[in-house]
Amino acid sequence: MAASFTPSLDGRYLLLGQSDEQDHSEISKFSKRDADAYFRYEAHLQKFSKVLDFVLDSPTPEILHEGASTVDLLRHKLQRSKFWAQCLGHTLSLGQKGMV
């Protein structure tokens, strides 16, 4: 769990990362509603980061030059289709609410 210290101008502060219970207590100092929603938010963020990890860690589909052979063009289309199919699969794993 990552630690985070956020001071505010009025002297209060938010210290996260000790435990789930402590994080809830810390956030509750500012907003009970936000504290109750925090773990749903954190779970959503984890799912979203998996999609971004896939996109950022994947090699980009290459752009072929004009004189490419038919075999190269077909291979290229297959690789791009595979990339976008995997990207779509990861995105759909977020669920409808997660994509908004």
C-alpha atoms as a PDB file:
ATOM      1  CA  MET A   1       0.000   0.000   0.000  1.00  0.00           C
ATOM      2  CA  ALA A   2       1.469   3.363  -0.998  1.00  0.00           C
ATOM      3  CA  ALA A   3       1.804   6.056   1.638  1.00  0.00           C
ATOM      4  CA  SER A   4       0.547   9.555   0.996  1.00  0.00           C
ATOM      5  CA  PHE A   5       0.701  12.703   3.149  1.00  0.00           C
ATOM      6  CA  THR A   6      -1.370  15.688   2.038  1.00  0.00           C
ATOM      7  CA  PRO A   7      -1.300  18.822   4.222  1.00  0.00           C
ATOM      8  CA  SER A   8      -3.933  21.540   3.874  1.00  0.00           C
ATOM      9  CA  LEU A   9      -3.624  25.264   4.503  1.00  0.00           C
ATOM     10  CA  ASP A  10      -5.881  25.143   7.574  1.00  0.00           C
ATOM     11  CA  GLY A  11      -3.456  22.812   9.390  1.00  0.00           C
ATOM     12  CA  ARG A  12      -5.375  19.605   8.822  1.00  0.00           C
ATOM     13  CA  TYR A  13      -3.789  16.784   6.860  1.00  0.00           C
ATOM     14  CA  LEU A  14      -4.626  13.510   5.170  1.00  0.00           C
ATOM     15  CA  LEU A  15      -2.320  10.545   5.829  1.00  0.00           C
ATOM     16  CA  LEU A  16      -3.046   7.429   3.776  1.00  0.00           C
ATOM     17  CA  GLY A  17      -1.361   4.066   3.445  1.00  0.00           C
ATOM     18  CA  GLN A  18      -1.234   2.666   6.973  1.00  0.00           C
ATOM     19  CA  SER A  19      -4.232   0.318   6.730  1.00  0.00           C
ATOM     20  CA  ASP A  20      -7.694   0.212   5.175  1.00  0.00           C
ATOM     21  CA  GLU A  21      -9.308   1.075   8.507  1.00  0.00           C
ATOM     22  CA  GLN A  22      -6.903   3.952   9.129  1.00  0.00           C
ATOM     23  CA  ASP A  23      -7.412   5.280   5.583  1.00  0.00           C
ATOM     24  CA  HIS A  24     -11.184   5.250   6.118  1.00  0.00           C
ATOM     25  CA  SER A  25     -10.758   7.100   9.414  1.00  0.00           C
ATOM     26  CA  GLU A  26      -8.431   9.686   7.853  1.00  0.00           C
ATOM     27  CA  ILE A  27     -10.744  10.394   4.910  1.00  0.00           C
ATOM     28  CA  SER A  28     -13.723  10.587   7.294  1.00  0.00           C
ATOM     29  CA  LYS A  29     -12.098  13.641   8.914  1.00  0.00           C
ATOM     30  CA  PHE A  30     -12.965  15.460   5.691  1.00  0.00           C
ATOM     31  CA  SER A  31     -15.983  13.562   4.329  1.00  0.00           C
ATOM     32  CA  LYS A  32     -17.781  10.457   5.589  1.00  0.00           C
ATOM     33  CA  ARG A  33     -19.339   9.952   2.154  1.00  0.00           C
ATOM     34  CA  ASP A  34     -15.945  10.070   0.429  1.00  0.00           C
ATOM     35  CA  ALA A  35     -14.504   7.674   2.998  1.00  0.00           C
ATOM     36  CA  ASP A  36     -17.298   5.193   2.296  1.00  0.00           C
ATOM     37  CA  ALA A  37     -16.742   5.488  -1.479  1.00  0.00           C
ATOM     38  CA  TYR A  38     -12.931   5.400  -1.371  1.00  0.00           C
ATOM     39  CA  PHE A  39     -12.471   1.630  -1.619  1.00  0.00           C
ATOM     40  CA  ARG A  40     -14.889   1.366  -4.558  1.00  0.00           C
ATOM     41  CA  TYR A  41     -12.920   4.154  -6.218  1.00  0.00           C
ATOM     42  CA  GLU A  42      -9.626   2.381  -5.501  1.00  0.00           C
ATOM     43  CA  ALA A  43     -10.948  -0.895  -6.992  1.00  0.00           C
ATOM     44  CA  HIS A  44     -12.160   0.968 -10.091  1.00  0.00           C
ATOM     45  CA  LEU A  45      -8.771   2.644 -10.439  1.00  0.00           C
ATOM     46  CA  GLN A  46      -7.030  -0.752 -10.280  1.00  0.00           C
ATOM     47  CA  LYS A  47      -9.187  -2.095 -13.130  1.00  0.00           C
ATOM     48  CA  PHE A  48      -8.611   1.014 -15.213  1.00  0.00           C
ATOM     49  CA  SER A  49      -4.852   0.879 -14.652  1.00  0.00           C
ATOM     50  CA  LYS A  50      -4.775  -2.687 -16.035  1.00  0.00           C
ATOM     51  CA  VAL A  51      -6.284  -1.415 -19.299  1.00  0.00           C
ATOM     52  CA  LEU A  52      -3.801   1.456 -19.462  1.00  0.00           C
ATOM     53  CA  ASP A  53      -0.901  -0.881 -18.651  1.00  0.00           C
ATOM     54  CA  PHE A  54      -1.865  -3.071 -21.599  1.00  0.00           C
ATOM     55  CA  VAL A  55      -2.064  -0.133 -24.002  1.00  0.00           C
ATOM     56  CA  LEU A  56       1.149   1.493 -22.783  1.00  0.00           C
ATOM     57  CA  ASP A  57       3.126  -1.762 -22.637  1.00  0.00           C
ATOM     58  CA  SER A  58       2.037  -2.980 -26.085  1.00  0.00           C
ATOM     59  CA  PRO A  59       4.090  -2.139 -29.142  1.00  0.00           C
ATOM     60  CA  THR A  60       2.241   0.192 -31.453  1.00  0.00           C
ATOM     61  CA  PRO A  61       0.953  -1.282 -34.704  1.00  0.00           C
ATOM     62  CA  GLU A  62       3.551  -0.406 -37.324  1.00  0.00           C
ATOM     63  CA  ILE A  63       2.699   1.632 -40.392  1.00  0.00           C
ATOM     64  CA  LEU A  64       3.741  -0.171 -43.563  1.00  0.00           C
ATOM     65  CA  HIS A  65       5.412   1.568 -46.451  1.00  0.00           C
ATOM     66  CA  GLU A  66       3.709   1.791 -49.823  1.00  0.00           C
ATOM     67  CA  GLY A  67       5.574  -1.064 -51.539  1.00  0.00           C
ATOM     68  CA  ALA A  68       4.759  -3.737 -48.932  1.00  0.00           C
ATOM     69  CA  SER A  69       3.938  -7.205 -50.227  1.00  0.00           C
ATOM     70  CA  THR A  70       0.488  -8.758 -49.922  1.00  0.00           C
ATOM     71  CA  VAL A  71       1.803 -11.165 -47.280  1.00  0.00           C
ATOM     72  CA  ASP A  72       3.207  -8.245 -45.267  1.00  0.00           C
ATOM     73  CA  LEU A  73      -0.098  -6.383 -45.580  1.00  0.00           C
ATOM     74  CA  LEU A  74      -2.073  -9.416 -44.369  1.00  0.00           C
ATOM     75  CA  ARG A  75       0.351 -10.027 -41.493  1.00  0.00           C
ATOM     76  CA  HIS A  76       0.084  -6.356 -40.561  1.00  0.00           C
ATOM     77  CA  LYS A  77      -3.730  -6.425 -40.577  1.00  0.00           C
ATOM     78  CA  LEU A  78      -3.724  -9.579 -38.452  1.00  0.00           C
ATOM     79  CA  GLN A  79      -1.363  -8.025 -35.888  1.00  0.00           C
ATOM     80  CA  ARG A  80      -3.443  -4.848 -35.724  1.00  0.00           C
ATOM     81  CA  SER A  81      -6.654  -6.873 -35.375  1.00  0.00           C
ATOM     82  CA  LYS A  82      -5.108  -8.889 -32.537  1.00  0.00           C
ATOM     83  CA  PHE A  83      -3.974  -5.693 -30.772  1.00  0.00           C
ATOM     84  CA  TRP A  84      -7.400  -4.032 -31.027  1.00  0.00           C
ATOM     85  CA  ALA A  85      -9.212  -7.228 -30.012  1.00  0.00           C
ATOM     86  CA  GLN A  86      -7.062  -7.472 -26.877  1.00  0.00           C
ATOM     87  CA  CYS A  87      -7.562  -3.776 -26.192  1.00  0.00           C
ATOM     88  CA  LEU A  88     -11.325  -4.189 -26.544  1.00  0.00           C
ATOM     89  CA  GLY A  89     -11.271  -7.222 -24.242  1.00  0.00           C
ATOM     90  CA  HIS A  90      -9.440  -5.285 -21.533  1.00  0.00           C
ATOM     91  CA  THR A  91     -11.794  -2.326 -21.923  1.00  0.00           C
ATOM     92  CA  LEU A  92     -14.906  -4.508 -21.721  1.00  0.00           C
ATOM     93  CA  SER A  93     -13.549  -6.026 -18.495  1.00  0.00           C
ATOM     94  CA  LEU A  94     -14.213  -2.637 -16.870  1.00  0.00           C
ATOM     95  CA  GLY A  95     -17.947  -3.114 -17.345  1.00  0.00           C
ATOM     96  CA  GLN A  96     -20.377  -0.474 -18.551  1.00  0.00           C
ATOM     97  CA  LYS A  97     -20.151   1.677 -15.410  1.00  0.00           C
ATOM     98  CA  GLY A  98     -16.361   1.536 -15.469  1.00  0.00           C
ATOM     99  CA  MET A  99     -16.138   2.994 -18.949  1.00  0.00           C
ATOM    100  CA  VAL A 100     -17.972   6.186 -18.043  1.00  0.00           C
END
